[in-house]
Amino acid sequence: MTQGIVFKKAKGEATDPSGKKIKFSDFLKGTHGSDSAKWKAGFKYKKALRNSKKKK
């Protein structure tokens, strides 16, 4: 076993598998369209935007 800290290799550039821009409507698909579903989709959308900015 090696000594010290072992670092993982850096991953390639993070992109959406289909290569498209993140849209709010992507998070509403498959939901019943209630206000709570839209509210939760808003949090998921904001999180996706934060994560996409970090990985660039």
PDB file of N, CA and C in Angstrom:
ATOM      1  N   MET A   1       0.840  -1.177   0.000  1.00  0.00           N
ATOM      2  CA  MET A   1       0.000   0.000   0.000  1.00  0.00           C
ATOM      3  C   MET A   1       0.890   1.246   0.000  1.00  0.00           C
ATOM      4  N   THR A   2       0.479   2.244  -0.752  1.00  0.00           N
ATOM      5  CA  THR A   2       1.274   3.459  -0.836  1.00  0.00           C
ATOM      6  C   THR A   2       1.031   4.333   0.383  1.00  0.00           C
ATOM      7  N   GLN A   3       1.973   5.179   0.646  1.00  0.00           N
ATOM      8  CA  GLN A   3       1.851   6.080   1.786  1.00  0.00           C
ATOM      9  C   GLN A   3       1.347   7.434   1.317  1.00  0.00           C
ATOM     10  N   GLY A   4       0.714   8.158   2.214  1.00  0.00           N
ATOM     11  CA  GLY A   4       0.244   9.493   1.892  1.00  0.00           C
ATOM     12  C   GLY A   4      -1.165   9.483   1.308  1.00  0.00           C
ATOM     13  N   ILE A   5      -1.532  10.607   0.743  1.00  0.00           N
ATOM     14  CA  ILE A   5      -2.876  10.789   0.209  1.00  0.00           C
ATOM     15  C   ILE A   5      -2.896  10.378  -1.259  1.00  0.00           C
ATOM     16  N   VAL A   6      -3.928   9.660  -1.634  1.00  0.00           N
ATOM     17  CA  VAL A   6      -4.097   9.254  -3.029  1.00  0.00           C
ATOM     18  C   VAL A   6      -5.210  10.100  -3.627  1.00  0.00           C
ATOM     19  N   PHE A   7      -4.895  10.814  -4.696  1.00  0.00           N
ATOM     20  CA  PHE A   7      -5.873  11.671  -5.350  1.00  0.00           C
ATOM     21  C   PHE A   7      -6.442  10.974  -6.571  1.00  0.00           C
ATOM     22  N   LYS A   8      -7.734  11.173  -6.792  1.00  0.00           N
ATOM     23  CA  LYS A   8      -8.367  10.609  -7.978  1.00  0.00           C
ATOM     24  C   LYS A   8      -8.046  11.486  -9.175  1.00  0.00           C
ATOM     25  N   LYS A   9      -8.076  10.876 -10.351  1.00  0.00           N
ATOM     26  CA  LYS A   9      -7.825  11.645 -11.567  1.00  0.00           C
ATOM     27  C   LYS A   9      -8.992  12.586 -11.824  1.00  0.00           C
ATOM     28  N   ALA A  10      -8.695  13.714 -12.442  1.00  0.00           N
ATOM     29  CA  ALA A  10      -9.732  14.679 -12.766  1.00  0.00           C
ATOM     30  C   ALA A  10     -10.614  14.124 -13.871  1.00  0.00           C
ATOM     31  N   LYS A  11     -11.907  14.360 -13.728  1.00  0.00           N
ATOM     32  CA  LYS A  11     -12.844  13.909 -14.750  1.00  0.00           C
ATOM     33  C   LYS A  11     -12.836  14.899 -15.898  1.00  0.00           C
ATOM     34  N   GLY A  12     -13.347  14.462 -17.020  1.00  0.00           N
ATOM     35  CA  GLY A  12     -13.448  15.337 -18.182  1.00  0.00           C
ATOM     36  C   GLY A  12     -14.462  16.439 -17.930  1.00  0.00           C
ATOM     37  N   GLU A  13     -14.627  17.274 -18.894  1.00  0.00           N
ATOM     38  CA  GLU A  13     -15.542  18.395 -18.758  1.00  0.00           C
ATOM     39  C   GLU A  13     -16.964  17.884 -18.553  1.00  0.00           C
ATOM     40  N   ALA A  14     -17.645  18.418 -17.549  1.00  0.00           N
ATOM     41  CA  ALA A  14     -18.998  17.967 -17.223  1.00  0.00           C
ATOM     42  C   ALA A  14     -19.998  18.575 -18.195  1.00  0.00           C
ATOM     43  N   THR A  15     -20.655  17.721 -18.956  1.00  0.00           N
ATOM     44  CA  THR A  15     -21.676  18.185 -19.883  1.00  0.00           C
ATOM     45  C   THR A  15     -22.910  17.321 -19.722  1.00  0.00           C
ATOM     46  N   ASP A  16     -24.016  17.861 -20.129  1.00  0.00           N
ATOM     47  CA  ASP A  16     -25.253  17.097 -20.128  1.00  0.00           C
ATOM     48  C   ASP A  16     -25.105  15.973 -21.155  1.00  0.00           C
ATOM     49  N   PRO A  17     -25.582  14.763 -20.856  1.00  0.00           N
ATOM     50  CA  PRO A  17     -25.409  13.653 -21.802  1.00  0.00           C
ATOM     51  C   PRO A  17     -25.919  13.967 -23.208  1.00  0.00           C
ATOM     52  N   SER A  18     -27.015  14.717 -23.301  1.00  0.00           N
ATOM     53  CA  SER A  18     -27.545  15.056 -24.619  1.00  0.00           C
ATOM     54  C   SER A  18     -26.909  16.335 -25.163  1.00  0.00           C
ATOM     55  N   GLY A  19     -26.089  17.012 -24.366  1.00  0.00           N
ATOM     56  CA  GLY A  19     -25.384  18.209 -24.811  1.00  0.00           C
ATOM     57  C   GLY A  19     -26.255  19.443 -24.885  1.00  0.00           C
ATOM     58  N   LYS A  20     -27.408  19.436 -24.218  1.00  0.00           N
ATOM     59  CA  LYS A  20     -28.282  20.600 -24.287  1.00  0.00           C
ATOM     60  C   LYS A  20     -28.190  21.435 -23.016  1.00  0.00           C
ATOM     61  N   LYS A  21     -28.721  22.624 -23.090  1.00  0.00           N
ATOM     62  CA  LYS A  21     -28.711  23.547 -21.969  1.00  0.00           C
ATOM     63  C   LYS A  21     -29.728  23.108 -20.911  1.00  0.00           C
ATOM     64  N   ILE A  22     -29.432  23.369 -19.648  1.00  0.00           N
ATOM     65  CA  ILE A  22     -30.345  23.007 -18.567  1.00  0.00           C
ATOM     66  C   ILE A  22     -31.537  23.961 -18.583  1.00  0.00           C
ATOM     67  N   LYS A  23     -32.746  23.396 -18.595  1.00  0.00           N
ATOM     68  CA  LYS A  23     -33.963  24.199 -18.596  1.00  0.00           C
ATOM     69  C   LYS A  23     -34.828  23.823 -17.403  1.00  0.00           C
ATOM     70  N   PHE A  24     -35.612  24.772 -16.941  1.00  0.00           N
ATOM     71  CA  PHE A  24     -36.497  24.526 -15.803  1.00  0.00           C
ATOM     72  C   PHE A  24     -37.526  23.461 -16.142  1.00  0.00           C
ATOM     73  N   SER A  25     -37.998  23.439 -17.388  1.00  0.00           N
ATOM     74  CA  SER A  25     -39.029  22.477 -17.778  1.00  0.00           C
ATOM     75  C   SER A  25     -38.526  21.039 -17.710  1.00  0.00           C
ATOM     76  N   ASP A  26     -37.214  20.837 -17.778  1.00  0.00           N
ATOM     77  CA  ASP A  26     -36.659  19.484 -17.676  1.00  0.00           C
ATOM     78  C   ASP A  26     -36.969  18.862 -16.321  1.00  0.00           C
ATOM     79  N   PHE A  27     -37.115  19.681 -15.301  1.00  0.00           N
ATOM     80  CA  PHE A  27     -37.351  19.179 -13.952  1.00  0.00           C
ATOM     81  C   PHE A  27     -38.836  19.012 -13.651  1.00  0.00           C
ATOM     82  N   LEU A  28     -39.703  19.573 -14.488  1.00  0.00           N
ATOM     83  CA  LEU A  28     -41.142  19.445 -14.265  1.00  0.00           C
ATOM     84  C   LEU A  28     -41.737  18.242 -14.984  1.00  0.00           C
ATOM     85  N   LYS A  29     -40.994  17.616 -15.870  1.00  0.00           N
ATOM     86  CA  LYS A  29     -41.529  16.483 -16.623  1.00  0.00           C
ATOM     87  C   LYS A  29     -41.788  15.309 -15.690  1.00  0.00           C
ATOM     88  N   GLY A  30     -42.908  14.649 -15.893  1.00  0.00           N
ATOM     89  CA  GLY A  30     -43.242  13.489 -15.087  1.00  0.00           C
ATOM     90  C   GLY A  30     -43.874  13.828 -13.752  1.00  0.00           C
ATOM     91  N   THR A  31     -44.114  15.112 -13.494  1.00  0.00           N
ATOM     92  CA  THR A  31     -44.751  15.504 -12.239  1.00  0.00           C
ATOM     93  C   THR A  31     -46.212  15.827 -12.512  1.00  0.00           C
ATOM     94  N   HIS A  32     -46.967  15.998 -11.465  1.00  0.00           N
ATOM     95  CA  HIS A  32     -48.400  16.254 -11.611  1.00  0.00           C
ATOM     96  C   HIS A  32     -48.718  17.728 -11.778  1.00  0.00           C
ATOM     97  N   GLY A  33     -47.717  18.584 -11.777  1.00  0.00           N
ATOM     98  CA  GLY A  33     -47.930  19.999 -12.061  1.00  0.00           C
ATOM     99  C   GLY A  33     -48.498  20.806 -10.906  1.00  0.00           C
ATOM    100  N   SER A  34     -48.472  20.262  -9.700  1.00  0.00           N
ATOM    101  CA  SER A  34     -48.976  21.017  -8.551  1.00  0.00           C
ATOM    102  C   SER A  34     -47.956  22.074  -8.147  1.00  0.00           C
ATOM    103  N   ASP A  35     -48.381  22.955  -7.263  1.00  0.00           N
ATOM    104  CA  ASP A  35     -47.472  24.007  -6.804  1.00  0.00           C
ATOM    105  C   ASP A  35     -46.280  23.427  -6.057  1.00  0.00           C
ATOM    106  N   SER A  36     -46.512  22.363  -5.280  1.00  0.00           N
ATOM    107  CA  SER A  36     -45.391  21.778  -4.540  1.00  0.00           C
ATOM    108  C   SER A  36     -44.389  21.135  -5.494  1.00  0.00           C
ATOM    109  N   ALA A  37     -44.884  20.543  -6.584  1.00  0.00           N
ATOM    110  CA  ALA A  37     -43.979  19.943  -7.566  1.00  0.00           C
ATOM    111  C   ALA A  37     -43.147  21.026  -8.249  1.00  0.00           C
ATOM    112  N   LYS A  38     -43.776  22.153  -8.557  1.00  0.00           N
ATOM    113  CA  LYS A  38     -43.047  23.268  -9.176  1.00  0.00           C
ATOM    114  C   LYS A  38     -42.021  23.843  -8.202  1.00  0.00           C
ATOM    115  N   TRP A  39     -42.398  23.910  -6.925  1.00  0.00           N
ATOM    116  CA  TRP A  39     -41.500  24.425  -5.884  1.00  0.00           C
ATOM    117  C   TRP A  39     -40.260  23.547  -5.779  1.00  0.00           C
ATOM    118  N   LYS A  40     -40.471  22.223  -5.726  1.00  0.00           N
ATOM    119  CA  LYS A  40     -39.353  21.285  -5.633  1.00  0.00           C
ATOM    120  C   LYS A  40     -38.509  21.320  -6.900  1.00  0.00           C
ATOM    121  N   ALA A  41     -39.154  21.466  -8.050  1.00  0.00           N
ATOM    122  CA  ALA A  41     -38.424  21.545  -9.310  1.00  0.00           C
ATOM    123  C   ALA A  41     -37.535  22.786  -9.333  1.00  0.00           C
ATOM    124  N   GLY A  42     -38.002  23.859  -8.706  1.00  0.00           N
ATOM    125  CA  GLY A  42     -37.204  25.077  -8.626  1.00  0.00           C
ATOM    126  C   GLY A  42     -35.905  24.854  -7.877  1.00  0.00           C
ATOM    127  N   PHE A  43     -35.974  24.097  -6.780  1.00  0.00           N
ATOM    128  CA  PHE A  43     -34.761  23.799  -6.019  1.00  0.00           C
ATOM    129  C   PHE A  43     -33.808  22.920  -6.823  1.00  0.00           C
ATOM    130  N   LYS A  44     -34.356  21.924  -7.525  1.00  0.00           N
ATOM    131  CA  LYS A  44     -33.520  21.035  -8.333  1.00  0.00           C
ATOM    132  C   LYS A  44     -32.849  21.803  -9.468  1.00  0.00           C
ATOM    133  N   TYR A  45     -33.599  22.740 -10.074  1.00  0.00           N
ATOM    134  CA  TYR A  45     -33.068  23.549 -11.170  1.00  0.00           C
ATOM    135  C   TYR A  45     -31.920  24.434 -10.681  1.00  0.00           C
ATOM    136  N   LYS A  46     -32.110  25.087  -9.546  1.00  0.00           N
ATOM    137  CA  LYS A  46     -31.063  25.953  -8.996  1.00  0.00           C
ATOM    138  C   LYS A  46     -29.819  25.149  -8.630  1.00  0.00           C
ATOM    139  N   LYS A  47     -30.026  23.949  -8.088  1.00  0.00           N
ATOM    140  CA  LYS A  47     -28.896  23.088  -7.733  1.00  0.00           C
ATOM    141  C   LYS A  47     -28.136  22.666  -8.981  1.00  0.00           C
ATOM    142  N   ALA A  48     -28.860  22.339 -10.046  1.00  0.00           N
ATOM    143  CA  ALA A  48     -28.216  21.942 -11.298  1.00  0.00           C
ATOM    144  C   ALA A  48     -27.405  23.095 -11.877  1.00  0.00           C
ATOM    145  N   LEU A  49     -27.920  24.305 -11.768  1.00  0.00           N
ATOM    146  CA  LEU A  49     -27.178  25.469 -12.263  1.00  0.00           C
ATOM    147  C   LEU A  49     -25.911  25.687 -11.449  1.00  0.00           C
ATOM    148  N   ARG A  50     -26.017  25.540 -10.118  1.00  0.00           N
ATOM    149  CA  ARG A  50     -24.831  25.703  -9.271  1.00  0.00           C
ATOM    150  C   ARG A  50     -23.778  24.663  -9.619  1.00  0.00           C
ATOM    151  N   ASN A  51     -24.200  23.424  -9.781  1.00  0.00           N
ATOM    152  CA  ASN A  51     -23.251  22.354 -10.067  1.00  0.00           C
ATOM    153  C   ASN A  51     -22.618  22.510 -11.439  1.00  0.00           C
ATOM    154  N   SER A  52     -23.373  23.006 -12.421  1.00  0.00           N
ATOM    155  CA  SER A  52     -22.802  23.168 -13.753  1.00  0.00           C
ATOM    156  C   SER A  52     -21.770  24.293 -13.763  1.00  0.00           C
ATOM    157  N   LYS A  53     -21.951  25.317 -12.931  1.00  0.00           N
ATOM    158  CA  LYS A  53     -20.984  26.410 -12.868  1.00  0.00           C
ATOM    159  C   LYS A  53     -19.700  25.967 -12.183  1.00  0.00           C
ATOM    160  N   LYS A  54     -19.812  25.100 -11.170  1.00  0.00           N
ATOM    161  CA  LYS A  54     -18.634  24.622 -10.446  1.00  0.00           C
ATOM    162  C   LYS A  54     -17.725  23.795 -11.337  1.00  0.00           C
ATOM    163  N   LYS A  55     -18.306  22.984 -12.193  1.00  0.00           N
ATOM    164  CA  LYS A  55     -17.540  22.007 -12.954  1.00  0.00           C
ATOM    165  C   LYS A  55     -16.918  22.571 -14.215  1.00  0.00           C
ATOM    166  N   LYS A  56     -17.230  23.823 -14.565  1.00  0.00           N
ATOM    167  CA  LYS A  56     -16.664  24.403 -15.792  1.00  0.00           C
ATOM    168  C   LYS A  56     -15.259  24.886 -15.584  1.00  0.00           C
TER     169      LYS A  56
END
